[in-house]
Protein backbone atom coordinates (compact mmCIF):
# COMPACT_ATOMS: atom_id res chain seq x y z
CA MET A 1 0.00 0.00 0.00
CA SER A 2 1.37 3.43 -0.95
CA GLY A 3 2.07 6.18 1.54
CA THR A 4 0.82 9.77 1.62
CA LEU A 5 2.20 13.12 0.52
CA CYS A 6 1.30 15.82 3.05
CA LEU A 7 1.58 19.49 2.06
CA VAL A 8 2.51 21.43 5.20
CA GLY A 9 2.22 25.21 5.29
CA THR A 10 5.13 26.85 7.10
CA PRO A 11 5.55 30.37 8.54
CA ILE A 12 6.12 33.20 6.04
CA GLY A 13 8.33 35.03 8.53
CA ASN A 14 7.56 34.60 12.20
CA LEU A 15 8.35 31.01 13.26
CA GLY A 16 5.79 31.36 16.04
CA ASP A 17 3.04 31.09 13.42
CA PHE A 18 3.65 27.36 12.84
CA SER A 19 0.52 25.38 13.74
CA PRO A 20 0.32 22.47 16.22
CA ARG A 21 -0.95 20.25 13.40
CA GLY A 22 2.07 21.23 11.33
CA VAL A 23 4.42 20.25 14.14
CA GLU A 24 2.59 16.94 14.56
CA ALA A 25 2.71 16.17 10.84
CA LEU A 26 6.47 16.75 10.64
CA LYS A 27 7.08 14.61 13.72
CA ASP A 28 4.94 11.74 12.41
CA CYS A 29 6.16 11.53 8.79
CA ASP A 30 8.96 9.29 7.51
CA PHE A 31 10.85 12.08 5.75
CA ILE A 32 10.57 15.73 4.73
CA ALA A 33 11.00 17.14 1.22
CA ALA A 34 12.23 20.73 1.58
CA GLU A 35 12.84 23.58 -0.85
CA ASP A 36 16.02 24.49 1.06
CA THR A 37 17.02 22.06 3.80
CA ARG A 38 19.07 24.75 5.57
CA VAL A 39 16.00 26.99 5.94
CA THR A 40 13.78 24.10 7.06
CA LEU A 41 16.39 23.01 9.61
CA LYS A 42 15.84 26.29 11.49
CA LEU A 43 12.13 25.48 11.76
CA LEU A 44 12.81 21.90 12.86
CA SER A 45 15.27 23.08 15.49
CA ARG A 46 12.76 25.60 16.87
CA TYR A 47 10.21 22.80 17.44
CA GLU A 48 12.73 20.06 18.35
CA ILE A 49 11.88 17.92 15.33
CA LYS A 50 14.44 15.44 14.02
CA LYS A 51 13.58 13.92 10.65
CA PRO A 52 15.58 13.01 7.53
CA MET A 53 15.25 15.57 4.75
CA VAL A 54 15.60 15.50 0.98
CA SER A 55 15.92 18.50 -1.32
CA TYR A 56 13.06 19.32 -3.70
CA HIS A 57 13.13 22.59 -5.64
CA GLU A 58 12.75 24.13 -9.10
CA HIS A 59 16.15 22.97 -10.34
CA ASN A 60 15.94 19.31 -9.27
CA LYS A 61 12.19 18.69 -9.28
CA ALA A 62 12.19 16.09 -12.07
CA GLU A 63 14.84 13.79 -10.61
CA SER A 64 13.98 14.43 -6.96
CA GLY A 65 10.26 14.05 -7.66
CA ARG A 66 10.79 10.58 -9.11
CA ARG A 67 12.82 9.50 -6.06
CA ILE A 68 10.18 10.86 -3.67
CA LEU A 69 7.45 9.05 -5.62
CA GLU A 70 9.34 5.76 -5.37
CA ARG A 71 9.45 6.09 -1.58
CA LEU A 72 5.77 7.03 -1.43
CA LEU A 73 4.85 4.00 -3.55
CA ALA A 74 6.88 1.88 -1.13
CA GLY A 75 4.61 3.00 1.71
CA GLU A 76 6.50 5.93 3.27
CA THR A 77 4.85 9.22 4.26
CA CYS A 78 6.44 12.48 3.10
CA CYS A 79 5.80 16.05 4.25
CA LEU A 80 6.47 18.64 1.55
CA VAL A 81 7.47 22.11 2.79
CA THR A 82 8.73 25.31 1.19
CA ASP A 83 10.93 27.99 2.70
CA ALA A 84 7.79 29.99 3.53
CA GLY A 85 4.05 29.53 3.02
CA MET A 86 2.02 26.82 1.33
CA PRO A 87 3.71 24.30 -0.95
CA ALA A 88 2.50 24.28 -4.59
CA ILE A 89 1.60 28.00 -4.56
CA SER A 90 4.04 29.74 -6.92
CA ASP A 91 6.21 26.70 -6.21
CA PRO A 92 7.24 23.45 -7.99
CA GLY A 93 5.27 21.45 -5.43
CA GLU A 94 2.38 21.51 -7.91
CA ASP A 95 4.37 19.11 -10.12
CA LEU A 96 4.88 16.64 -7.26
CA VAL A 97 1.18 16.78 -6.37
CA ARG A 98 0.27 16.07 -9.99
CA LEU A 99 2.77 13.19 -10.11
CA CYS A 100 1.20 11.66 -7.00
CA TYR A 101 -2.32 11.82 -8.43
CA GLU A 102 -1.10 10.24 -11.68
CA ASN A 103 0.26 7.33 -9.64
CA ASP A 104 -2.68 6.94 -7.21
CA VAL A 105 -0.74 8.27 -4.22
CA ALA A 106 -2.90 10.04 -1.62
CA VAL A 107 -2.28 13.75 -1.04
CA THR A 108 -3.40 15.70 2.02
CA ALA A 109 -2.64 19.15 3.45
CA VAL A 110 -2.03 20.93 6.72
CA PRO A 111 -2.90 24.56 5.90
CA GLY A 112 -0.74 27.38 7.10
CA PRO A 113 0.28 30.99 6.49
CA SER A 114 0.08 32.41 2.97
CA ALA A 115 1.71 35.64 1.82
CA VAL A 116 -0.99 36.05 -0.85
CA ILE A 117 -3.91 36.06 1.57
CA THR A 118 -2.05 37.93 4.33
CA ALA A 119 -1.13 40.76 1.95
CA LEU A 120 -4.64 40.90 0.50
CA ALA A 121 -6.17 41.18 3.96
CA LEU A 122 -3.75 43.96 4.93
CA SER A 123 -4.06 45.87 1.67
CA GLY A 124 -7.38 47.63 2.03
CA ARG A 125 -8.12 46.67 -1.60
CA ASP A 126 -11.21 44.86 -2.87
CA THR A 127 -11.06 41.30 -1.53
CA THR A 128 -14.25 39.97 -3.13
CA ARG A 129 -12.52 39.10 -6.43
CA PHE A 130 -8.78 38.85 -6.96
CA VAL A 131 -6.19 37.17 -9.17
CA PHE A 132 -2.73 35.95 -8.16
CA GLU A 133 0.02 36.48 -10.74
CA GLY A 134 3.00 35.25 -8.70
CA PHE A 135 6.28 36.51 -10.17
CA LEU A 136 5.99 38.28 -13.53
CA PRO A 137 7.69 36.59 -16.52
CA VAL A 138 11.19 37.81 -17.34
CA GLN A 139 11.09 37.18 -21.12
CA PRO A 140 10.38 40.61 -22.72
CA GLY A 141 7.57 39.55 -25.09
CA VAL A 142 5.77 37.34 -22.56
CA ARG A 143 6.19 40.00 -19.87
CA ARG A 144 4.72 42.73 -22.10
CA ARG A 145 1.65 40.62 -22.92
CA ARG A 146 1.14 39.78 -19.24
CA LEU A 147 1.35 43.45 -18.28
CA GLU A 148 -1.26 44.28 -20.92
CA GLU A 149 -3.56 41.66 -19.42
CA ILE A 150 -3.03 43.05 -15.92
CA ALA A 151 -3.74 46.59 -17.18
CA ALA A 152 -7.22 45.48 -18.29
CA GLU A 153 -7.90 43.19 -15.28
CA LYS A 154 -10.80 44.49 -13.18
CA ARG A 155 -10.12 42.23 -10.21
CA THR A 156 -7.50 43.02 -7.56
CA VAL A 157 -4.11 41.73 -8.77
CA ILE A 158 -1.44 40.27 -6.45
CA VAL A 159 2.19 40.08 -7.57
CA TYR A 160 5.29 38.75 -5.78
CA GLU A 161 8.65 40.44 -6.24
CA ALA A 162 12.21 40.11 -4.95
CA PRO A 163 14.01 43.27 -3.77
CA HIS A 164 16.61 43.34 -6.56
CA LYS A 165 13.86 43.28 -9.23
CA LEU A 166 11.34 45.59 -7.55
CA GLN A 167 12.38 48.85 -9.24
CA ARG A 168 12.10 47.40 -12.74
CA THR A 169 8.75 45.76 -11.97
CA LEU A 170 7.27 48.97 -10.55
CA ALA A 171 8.48 50.91 -13.60
CA ASP A 172 6.98 48.34 -15.97
CA LEU A 173 3.67 48.34 -14.10
CA CYS A 174 3.60 52.14 -14.09
CA GLU A 175 4.19 52.21 -17.85
CA ALA A 176 1.48 49.62 -18.55
CA LEU A 177 -1.19 50.57 -15.99
CA GLY A 178 -0.63 54.31 -15.60
CA GLY A 179 0.98 56.13 -12.71
CA ASP A 180 -2.28 56.88 -10.93
CA ARG A 181 -3.22 53.19 -10.46
CA SER A 182 -3.36 52.56 -6.72
CA LEU A 183 -1.72 49.65 -4.93
CA THR A 184 -0.59 48.56 -1.50
CA ILE A 185 3.05 47.54 -1.11
CA CYS A 186 3.44 44.84 1.53
CA ARG A 187 6.95 44.08 2.76
CA GLU A 188 8.48 41.61 5.21
CA LEU A 189 5.11 40.16 6.23
CA THR A 190 4.95 38.89 9.86
CA LYS A 191 8.58 39.97 10.45
CA LEU A 192 9.99 42.73 12.62
CA HIS A 193 9.94 45.38 9.87
CA GLU A 194 6.55 44.47 8.36
CA GLU A 195 4.94 47.21 6.28
CA ALA A 196 1.72 47.64 4.31
CA VAL A 197 1.81 50.99 2.51
CA PRO A 198 -1.10 52.24 0.33
CA THR A 199 0.27 54.31 -2.56
CA THR A 200 0.16 54.75 -6.35
CA LEU A 201 2.48 53.30 -8.96
CA SER A 202 4.08 56.67 -9.76
CA GLN A 203 4.68 57.37 -6.06
CA ALA A 204 6.13 53.88 -5.59
CA VAL A 205 8.50 54.33 -8.55
CA GLU A 206 9.71 57.64 -7.10
CA LYS A 207 10.18 56.19 -3.59
CA TYR A 208 12.20 53.19 -4.67
CA SER A 209 14.32 55.18 -7.08
CA GLN A 210 15.63 56.92 -3.96
CA THR A 211 15.40 54.05 -1.45
CA GLU A 212 17.04 50.65 -1.85
CA PRO A 213 14.36 47.93 -1.64
CA LYS A 214 14.92 45.48 1.22
CA GLY A 215 12.97 42.33 2.08
CA GLU A 216 10.42 40.31 0.16
CA PHE A 217 7.55 42.24 -1.46
CA VAL A 218 3.91 41.53 -2.27
CA LEU A 219 2.18 44.10 -4.49
CA VAL A 220 -1.61 44.28 -4.17
CA ILE A 221 -2.81 46.30 -7.15
CA ALA A 222 -6.30 47.80 -7.56
CA GLY A 223 -8.24 46.47 -10.53
CA ALA A 224 -8.83 48.54 -13.65
CA PRO A 225 -11.64 51.07 -13.16
CA GLU A 226 -14.93 50.42 -14.90
CA ARG A 227 -15.18 52.40 -18.14
CA PRO A 228 -18.38 54.10 -19.28
CA GLN A 229 -20.39 52.23 -21.91
CA ALA A 230 -19.54 54.88 -24.48
CA GLN A 231 -15.81 54.41 -23.90
CA LEU A 232 -13.71 53.90 -27.02
CA THR A 233 -12.61 50.40 -27.87
CA LEU A 234 -8.89 49.69 -27.77
CA GLU A 235 -8.84 49.64 -31.58
CA GLU A 236 -10.52 53.05 -31.76
CA ALA A 237 -8.09 54.48 -29.22
CA ALA A 238 -5.16 52.99 -31.14
CA ARG A 239 -6.38 54.79 -34.27
CA GLN A 240 -6.18 58.05 -32.33
CA VAL A 241 -2.57 57.19 -31.49
CA LEU A 242 -1.80 56.70 -35.18
CA SER A 243 -3.55 59.97 -36.02
CA LEU A 244 -1.31 61.84 -33.58
CA LYS A 245 1.72 60.09 -35.01
CA ALA A 246 0.69 61.20 -38.50
CA GLU A 247 0.70 64.77 -37.17
CA GLY A 248 4.34 64.43 -36.12
CA GLU A 249 4.22 62.95 -32.62
CA SER A 250 6.41 59.97 -31.76
CA LEU A 251 4.49 56.75 -31.26
CA LYS A 252 5.44 56.70 -27.58
CA ALA A 253 4.31 60.28 -26.99
CA ALA A 254 1.07 59.68 -28.91
CA ALA A 255 0.30 56.58 -26.84
CA LYS A 256 0.91 58.55 -23.63
CA ALA A 257 -1.42 61.35 -24.73
CA VAL A 258 -4.26 59.00 -25.72
CA ALA A 259 -3.79 56.97 -22.53
CA ALA A 260 -4.35 60.09 -20.44
CA ARG A 261 -7.75 60.77 -21.99
CA THR A 262 -9.07 57.24 -22.53
CA GLY A 263 -7.92 55.27 -19.50
CA TYR A 264 -6.10 52.62 -21.54
CA GLY A 265 -2.52 51.80 -20.52
CA LYS A 266 0.29 53.33 -22.60
CA SER A 267 1.79 49.92 -23.33
CA ALA A 268 -1.51 48.48 -24.51
CA LEU A 269 -2.08 51.44 -26.85
CA TYR A 270 1.50 51.37 -28.12
CA SER A 271 1.30 47.64 -28.92
CA ALA A 272 -2.13 47.93 -30.54
CA ALA A 273 -0.95 50.84 -32.73
CA LEU A 274 2.15 48.90 -33.76
CA ASP A 275 0.02 45.90 -34.71
CA MET A 276 -2.27 48.12 -36.81
CA GLU A 277 0.71 49.68 -38.58
CA GLU A 278 1.96 46.25 -39.55
């Protein structure tokens, strides 16, 4: 009879947030699959847990996943943990879960802290409907298309970002969504220097051009405002961009001008006008 994979949520900052069920699950399992065994060791030491660990992360998930599956099929029980938060959320754990289901291995979960939900609750933004984007793509073309989708998204949007990439991401969001789009910047959640700061994209760009970003960030971005029924379509607005260009404006300047009066993002208008030119 096969064993069970148990997804165990771990603290996103404060180790005191670990649940009694989480402690029990780690003590009772046969082994632990950890994103970074050095990080997990700190948690185990805090709760006096001694269990063998294996490494499971983005760069070894194929090989390590097969080895973990073999042990599960042999009847062992494995707890999967990440460095912080719930496994399988913006994390390769989703591949291991899928592998288990494909091989009739039972999967269960011990819920725990989540940076997505914690940031959303702290943000003061609309919580009735939201979409989680995780980390934005780094490939230029894919990233541009994703930003265009976010610009039109009416639900609250949640984005993760590392400190060394924050300035570029804020600048890209400001370009695509407009500087007046509001957001809440959450930083170092549950840690000593936790912050949740309501602001706008243009204000955030200015702040972090002067201040070095530190800590892990969650950006909770307000959805696109509802447009009046008589609002221009994107195609119609793009034609206005081309008209301004024909009068001597650069395409970038024309897109910025039309964005200001229509509510469409500059990037969306720029891309649409380029497509129409071609």
